[in-house]
Protein backbone atom coordinates (compact mmCIF):
# COMPACT_ATOMS: atom_id res chain seq x y z
CA UNK A 1 69.96 44.86 102.04
CA UNK A 2 72.33 41.91 102.20
CA UNK A 3 70.80 40.49 99.01
CA UNK A 4 71.30 43.81 97.21
CA UNK A 5 74.90 43.98 98.34
CA UNK A 6 75.39 40.39 97.23
CA UNK A 7 73.91 41.05 93.80
CA UNK A 8 76.06 44.19 93.49
CA UNK A 9 79.23 42.27 94.33
CA UNK A 10 78.30 39.49 91.93
CA UNK A 11 77.72 41.99 89.10
CA UNK A 12 81.04 43.69 89.80
CA UNK A 13 82.83 40.33 89.69
CA UNK A 14 81.17 39.45 86.38
CA UNK A 15 82.10 42.84 84.92
CA UNK A 16 85.72 42.40 86.00
CA UNK A 17 85.83 38.91 84.51
CA UNK A 18 84.35 40.23 81.27
CA UNK A 19 86.93 43.02 81.02
CA UNK A 20 89.76 40.65 81.84
CA UNK A 21 88.53 38.24 79.18
CA UNK A 22 88.34 40.98 76.56
CA UNK A 23 91.77 42.17 77.56
CA UNK A 24 93.19 38.72 77.08
CA UNK A 25 91.64 38.49 73.61
CA UNK A 26 93.09 41.83 72.65
CA UNK A 27 96.47 40.83 74.01
CA UNK A 28 96.34 37.53 72.12
CA UNK A 29 95.86 39.38 68.85
CA UNK A 30 98.50 42.00 69.57
CA UNK A 31 100.97 39.33 70.68
CA UNK A 32 100.59 37.38 67.44
CA UNK A 33 103.75 37.60 65.32
CA UNK A 34 103.01 37.80 61.60
CA UNK A 35 105.71 35.81 59.79
CA UNK A 36 106.78 37.13 56.39
CA UNK A 37 108.76 34.90 54.06
CA UNK A 38 111.43 36.65 52.03
CA UNK A 39 114.02 35.27 49.65
CA UNK A 40 117.49 36.36 48.64
CA UNK A 41 119.30 35.43 45.40
CA UNK A 42 116.31 36.33 43.22
CA UNK A 43 115.53 39.65 41.54
CA UNK A 44 111.72 39.44 41.46
CA UNK A 45 111.13 39.67 45.24
CA UNK A 46 112.62 43.17 45.24
CA UNK A 47 109.48 44.64 46.92
CA UNK A 48 110.13 42.34 49.89
CA UNK A 49 113.74 43.53 50.03
CA UNK A 50 112.72 47.18 49.74
CA UNK A 51 110.06 46.79 52.43
CA UNK A 52 112.73 45.47 54.79
CA UNK A 53 115.58 47.82 53.85
CA UNK A 54 113.55 51.04 53.81
CA UNK A 55 111.73 50.17 57.03
CA UNK A 56 108.32 49.98 55.35
CA UNK A 57 107.37 46.80 57.20
CA UNK A 58 108.61 48.33 60.43
CA UNK A 59 106.51 51.47 60.03
CA UNK A 60 103.29 49.75 58.92
CA UNK A 61 103.31 47.19 61.71
CA UNK A 62 104.49 49.67 64.36
CA UNK A 63 101.78 52.18 63.40
CA UNK A 64 99.22 49.40 63.78
CA UNK A 65 100.72 48.31 67.13
CA UNK A 66 101.41 44.84 65.78
CA UNK A 67 104.35 42.45 65.63
CA UNK A 68 106.01 40.85 62.62
CA UNK A 69 109.05 38.79 61.74
CA UNK A 70 110.93 38.40 58.45
CA UNK A 71 112.13 34.87 57.73
CA UNK A 72 114.57 33.95 54.97
CA UNK A 73 113.18 31.13 52.83
CA UNK A 74 113.55 29.42 49.49
CA UNK A 75 110.54 30.54 47.45
CA UNK A 76 110.26 27.04 45.99
CA UNK A 77 109.39 25.86 49.51
CA UNK A 78 107.04 28.74 50.30
CA UNK A 79 103.70 26.95 50.03
CA UNK A 80 104.93 24.04 52.15
CA UNK A 81 106.07 26.53 54.78
CA UNK A 82 102.66 28.22 54.73
CA UNK A 83 100.95 24.85 55.19
CA UNK A 84 103.27 24.05 58.10
CA UNK A 85 102.66 27.45 59.71
CA UNK A 86 106.33 28.42 59.44
CA UNK A 87 105.42 31.56 57.51
CA UNK A 88 102.12 33.39 57.05
CA UNK A 89 102.62 35.42 53.89
CA UNK A 90 104.97 35.97 50.98
CA UNK A 91 104.83 36.40 47.21
CA UNK A 92 104.82 33.98 44.32
CA UNK A 93 104.15 33.38 40.64
CA UNK A 94 100.38 33.23 40.30
CA UNK A 95 100.50 30.76 37.42
CA UNK A 96 102.48 28.28 39.51
CA UNK A 97 100.19 28.67 42.52
CA UNK A 98 96.89 28.01 40.73
CA UNK A 99 97.40 24.25 40.24
CA UNK A 100 98.36 23.95 43.92
CA UNK A 101 95.21 25.79 44.99
CA UNK A 102 93.23 23.49 42.71
CA UNK A 103 94.65 20.61 44.76
CA UNK A 104 93.68 22.09 48.10
CA UNK A 105 96.25 24.75 49.03
CA UNK A 106 94.45 27.17 51.39
CA UNK A 107 95.76 30.65 50.59
CA UNK A 108 94.28 33.98 49.67
CA UNK A 109 95.81 36.34 47.11
CA UNK A 110 96.18 39.95 48.28
CA UNK A 111 97.63 42.21 45.60
CA UNK A 112 99.58 42.24 42.37
CA UNK A 113 103.21 43.36 42.36
CA UNK A 114 104.50 43.34 38.81
CA UNK A 115 104.19 42.07 35.26
CA UNK A 116 106.95 40.63 33.12
CA UNK A 117 109.95 38.49 34.16
CA UNK A 118 108.80 35.59 31.94
CA UNK A 119 109.85 35.51 28.30
CA UNK A 120 109.92 33.02 25.44
CA UNK A 121 112.82 32.73 23.00
CA UNK A 122 113.93 31.10 19.80
CA UNK A 123 117.36 31.19 18.18
CA UNK A 124 118.18 34.26 16.13
CA UNK A 125 117.98 32.35 12.83
CA UNK A 126 114.82 30.45 13.76
CA UNK A 127 111.92 30.38 11.25
CA UNK A 128 109.46 30.85 14.12
CA UNK A 129 108.27 34.34 14.95
CA UNK A 130 105.35 33.82 17.32
CA UNK A 131 103.79 31.24 19.59
CA UNK A 132 101.40 30.44 16.75
CA UNK A 133 104.33 29.10 14.71
CA UNK A 134 105.13 26.45 17.32
CA UNK A 135 102.34 24.01 16.47
CA UNK A 136 103.85 20.52 16.50
CA UNK A 137 107.14 21.84 17.88
CA UNK A 138 109.00 21.18 21.12
CA UNK A 139 109.11 23.87 23.79
CA UNK A 140 111.60 23.69 26.65
CA UNK A 141 110.07 24.61 30.00
CA UNK A 142 111.20 24.22 33.61
CA UNK A 143 108.15 22.29 34.84
CA UNK A 144 104.75 21.09 33.69
CA UNK A 145 103.04 23.26 36.34
CA UNK A 146 105.45 26.18 36.19
CA UNK A 147 103.94 29.60 35.52
CA UNK A 148 105.85 29.80 32.21
CA UNK A 149 104.08 26.62 31.09
CA UNK A 150 100.67 28.02 32.02
CA UNK A 151 101.46 31.26 30.16
CA UNK A 152 102.53 29.38 27.03
CA UNK A 153 99.48 27.11 27.15
CA UNK A 154 97.12 30.06 27.46
CA UNK A 155 98.75 31.95 24.59
CA UNK A 156 98.85 28.82 22.43
CA UNK A 157 95.16 28.29 23.19
CA UNK A 158 94.42 31.85 22.06
CA UNK A 159 95.43 30.80 18.53
CA UNK A 160 92.83 28.04 18.56
CA UNK A 161 95.20 25.15 19.26
CA UNK A 162 94.78 22.39 21.83
CA UNK A 163 97.22 23.39 24.54
CA UNK A 164 96.68 20.89 27.33
CA UNK A 165 96.28 17.16 27.77
CA UNK A 166 97.18 14.16 25.61
CA UNK A 167 95.98 15.89 22.44
CA UNK A 168 98.07 19.04 22.96
CA UNK A 169 99.47 20.29 19.66
CA UNK A 170 102.94 21.05 21.00
CA UNK A 171 105.44 19.03 23.02
CA UNK A 172 106.92 19.93 26.40
CA UNK A 173 110.53 19.11 27.23
CA UNK A 174 111.35 19.71 30.90
CA UNK A 175 114.81 21.01 31.83
CA UNK A 176 116.26 22.83 34.81
CA UNK A 177 115.82 26.57 34.34
CA UNK A 178 119.53 27.25 33.92
CA UNK A 179 119.86 24.35 31.44
CA UNK A 180 117.19 25.64 29.08
CA UNK A 181 119.36 28.18 27.18
CA UNK A 182 121.88 25.45 26.29
CA UNK A 183 119.06 23.13 25.20
CA UNK A 184 117.86 25.79 22.77
CA UNK A 185 121.37 26.63 21.57
CA UNK A 186 122.08 22.95 20.86
CA UNK A 187 118.81 22.43 18.99
CA UNK A 188 117.25 20.04 21.50
CA UNK A 189 114.14 22.25 21.58
CA UNK A 190 112.58 24.75 19.18
CA UNK A 191 111.79 27.41 21.81
CA UNK A 192 112.18 27.98 25.54
CA UNK A 193 110.29 29.74 28.30
CA UNK A 194 112.62 31.54 30.72
CA UNK A 195 112.29 33.56 33.91
CA UNK A 196 114.70 36.41 34.53
CA UNK A 197 117.54 36.77 35.20
CA UNK A 198 118.14 33.58 33.18
CA UNK A 199 116.14 34.96 30.27
CA UNK A 200 117.88 38.33 30.32
CA UNK A 201 121.33 36.72 30.39
CA UNK A 202 120.47 34.16 27.69
CA UNK A 203 119.30 36.93 25.39
CA UNK A 204 122.54 38.83 25.96
CA UNK A 205 124.91 35.85 25.78
CA UNK A 206 123.33 33.77 23.02
CA UNK A 207 121.55 36.43 20.98
CA UNK A 208 118.20 34.68 21.30
CA UNK A 209 115.15 36.36 19.78
CA UNK A 210 112.04 36.99 21.85
CA UNK A 211 108.72 35.72 20.52
CA UNK A 212 106.67 36.49 23.64
CA UNK A 213 107.37 38.93 26.46
CA UNK A 214 104.75 39.01 29.20
CA UNK A 215 105.40 42.69 29.89
CA UNK A 216 104.83 43.71 26.26
CA UNK A 217 102.13 41.24 25.24
CA UNK A 218 98.64 42.76 24.95
CA UNK A 219 97.12 39.98 27.05
CA UNK A 220 99.72 39.40 29.74
CA UNK A 221 100.77 43.02 30.17
CA UNK A 222 97.42 43.45 31.94
CA UNK A 223 97.97 40.52 34.28
CA UNK A 224 100.33 40.22 37.23
CA UNK A 225 102.85 37.40 37.17
CA UNK A 226 103.87 37.90 40.83
CA UNK A 227 101.30 38.42 43.59
CA UNK A 228 101.32 38.42 47.37
CA UNK A 229 99.38 35.81 49.29
CA UNK A 230 98.60 34.82 52.85
CA UNK A 231 97.42 31.74 54.69
CA UNK A 232 93.61 31.66 54.59
CA UNK A 233 93.49 31.03 58.33
CA UNK A 234 95.72 34.00 59.15
CA UNK A 235 93.81 36.28 56.77
CA UNK A 236 90.62 35.55 58.67
CA UNK A 237 92.01 35.49 62.23
CA UNK A 238 94.44 38.39 61.94
CA UNK A 239 93.09 40.89 59.39
CA UNK A 240 94.94 43.88 60.88
CA UNK A 241 98.29 42.13 60.51
CA UNK A 242 97.42 41.19 56.95
CA UNK A 243 96.38 44.76 56.17
CA UNK A 244 99.74 46.05 57.39
CA UNK A 245 101.50 43.52 55.16
CA UNK A 246 99.47 44.54 52.09
CA UNK A 247 100.02 48.26 52.64
CA UNK A 248 103.76 47.67 52.99
CA UNK A 249 103.96 45.59 49.82
CA UNK A 250 101.94 48.10 47.82
CA UNK A 251 104.29 50.89 48.92
CA UNK A 252 107.44 48.86 48.29
CA UNK A 253 106.31 47.91 44.80
CA UNK A 254 105.41 51.54 44.04
CA UNK A 255 108.93 52.52 45.09
CA UNK A 256 110.45 49.99 42.67
CA UNK A 257 108.28 51.30 39.83
CA UNK A 258 109.43 54.86 40.49
CA UNK A 259 113.06 54.11 41.42
CA UNK A 260 114.29 50.90 39.75
CA UNK A 261 117.97 51.89 39.94
CA UNK A 262 117.74 52.73 43.63
CA UNK A 263 115.92 49.43 44.26
CA UNK A 264 118.68 47.54 42.45
CA UNK A 265 121.28 49.38 44.54
CA UNK A 266 119.53 48.34 47.74
CA UNK A 267 119.48 44.70 46.65
CA UNK A 268 123.21 44.68 45.91
CA UNK A 269 124.20 46.76 48.94
CA UNK A 270 122.30 44.55 51.37
CA UNK A 271 123.37 41.33 49.63
CA UNK A 272 119.90 40.20 48.63
CA UNK A 273 121.10 39.36 45.12
CA UNK A 274 124.33 39.08 43.22
CA UNK A 275 125.11 40.72 39.91
CA UNK A 276 125.69 44.21 38.64
CA UNK A 277 123.58 47.19 39.71
CA UNK A 278 123.19 48.52 36.17
CA UNK A 279 122.20 45.13 34.73
CA UNK A 280 119.77 44.44 37.53
CA UNK A 281 118.24 47.91 37.20
CA UNK A 282 117.90 47.37 33.45
CA UNK A 283 115.90 44.19 34.12
CA UNK A 284 113.70 45.90 36.71
CA UNK A 285 113.00 48.69 34.25
CA UNK A 286 111.57 46.20 31.75
CA UNK A 287 108.87 45.09 34.21
CA UNK A 288 105.85 47.05 35.37
CA UNK A 289 105.89 47.27 39.16
CA UNK A 290 102.68 49.28 39.43
CA UNK A 291 100.84 47.48 42.26
CA UNK A 292 97.10 47.03 42.62
CA UNK A 293 94.55 45.13 44.67
CA UNK A 294 91.70 45.41 42.16
CA UNK A 295 93.72 44.41 39.10
CA UNK A 296 95.13 41.46 41.03
CA UNK A 297 91.60 40.15 41.44
CA UNK A 298 90.96 40.74 37.74
CA UNK A 299 94.16 38.83 36.93
CA UNK A 300 92.84 35.91 38.93
CA UNK A 301 89.46 36.06 37.19
CA UNK A 302 91.03 36.16 33.71
CA UNK A 303 93.44 33.32 34.42
CA UNK A 304 90.83 31.10 36.09
CA UNK A 305 88.33 31.69 33.32
CA UNK A 306 90.73 30.33 30.72
CA UNK A 307 92.59 27.56 32.55
CA UNK A 308 89.37 25.98 33.82
CA UNK A 309 87.94 25.90 30.29
CA UNK A 310 91.22 24.39 29.05
CA UNK A 311 91.07 21.63 31.66
CA UNK A 312 94.24 22.67 33.48
CA UNK A 313 92.25 23.15 36.69
CA UNK A 314 89.88 20.24 37.14
CA UNK A 315 88.33 20.88 40.56
CA UNK A 316 86.70 24.25 39.90
CA UNK A 317 83.00 24.19 39.11
CA UNK A 318 82.23 27.78 40.11
CA UNK A 319 84.82 30.20 38.72
CA UNK A 320 83.52 33.29 40.47
CA UNK A 321 83.13 31.40 43.73
CA UNK A 322 86.70 30.14 43.44
CA UNK A 323 88.06 33.66 43.00
CA UNK A 324 86.00 35.02 45.88
CA UNK A 325 87.24 32.20 48.09
CA UNK A 326 90.91 32.69 47.25
CA UNK A 327 91.15 36.48 47.06
CA UNK A 328 90.62 38.95 49.87
CA UNK A 329 90.50 42.75 49.93
CA UNK A 330 90.16 44.78 53.12
CA UNK A 331 88.53 48.08 53.97
CA UNK A 332 91.19 50.55 55.01
CA UNK A 333 93.68 49.36 52.39
CA UNK A 334 93.92 51.45 49.19
CA UNK A 335 93.96 49.89 45.75
CA UNK A 336 97.47 51.21 45.12
CA UNK A 337 100.08 53.85 45.92
CA UNK A 338 102.28 56.18 43.91
CA UNK A 339 105.75 56.94 45.27
CA UNK A 340 106.56 60.67 45.28
CA UNK A 341 109.99 62.26 44.91
CA UNK A 342 109.78 63.66 48.45
CA UNK A 343 109.57 60.14 49.87
CA UNK A 344 105.84 60.18 50.54
CA UNK A 345 103.14 57.98 49.06
CA UNK A 346 99.84 58.95 47.45
CA UNK A 347 96.88 56.60 47.44
CA UNK A 348 95.52 55.88 43.97
CA UNK A 349 93.36 53.47 42.00
CA UNK A 350 94.79 51.61 39.02
CA UNK A 351 92.40 50.73 36.20
CA UNK A 352 94.95 49.78 33.55
CA UNK A 353 98.59 48.78 33.63
CA UNK A 354 100.57 51.14 31.43
CA UNK A 355 104.24 50.36 30.84
CA UNK A 356 105.80 53.81 30.68
CA UNK A 357 109.07 52.33 29.42
CA UNK A 358 107.73 51.02 26.10
């Protein structure tokens, strides 16, 4: 009888320890604070601004019973902050991130936010009318690994030219982004690649002529320039937090697509960016902010397939394996949302990016 009582007590103790252990694990996950990097002074991160200002982050994380924090950063420092664990997720230009991933950056892409925002210009009286005309010419760009450079190299390659390496059939001249319009105006370069709002303003102020617009181009209109990403470690350890982040960003981007003027108003009102509401809204209207998880993965496949063959990414031997390693999609997260006039969202699947404004 004493032995039975002893065994019973021992079992009860073990059960209590087990429940306490499980409780601690659950508490550890629920106590984790998911750190979201956001950036003011730039137009492109408008989904981040909208997600904060309209309480989309608040609702998604609260509904999941999870904690989050929004941290103001400089997007140029974002990957370093992810490596240091200062932030867990943010958004960035996919073309600029690929070379960093090739060199060991451990992140996973989550969803696409928008197309556009990168354009290439020549002077109004220039004899060049397409990227194909720039063989042997000098193109002003803001960095050898900038997304605008990768876009130009890929398009140049499409015409059958060598676009990368010592035998490249065009020359790169690196300038600060805001210095590029003056370099073109003064004849120091034959064409420039610009990100908005610098591109938008240069076109207005100097009368430059577009020769490539990533929103209108047949190739790049089907690829996202800006995508969300998360630390690989956080994606694996805290999937529910990451899911809440993805759902919020999908909804915020869908809102921008449906209400570009209202999104621009929010940015100005809450001092995320400077400028004029009408001008900012006009820029937002030129992009396609239709979000998608599936098309983001396709964007990654298409980009990797070409840049690896071109030699831009040297450490990728298995293209499909690379994409699967650096992209993650979760059950319970829709491919996309549509924003409705009554303020609700409808889940949807996007198979093709259609720019309704063209």
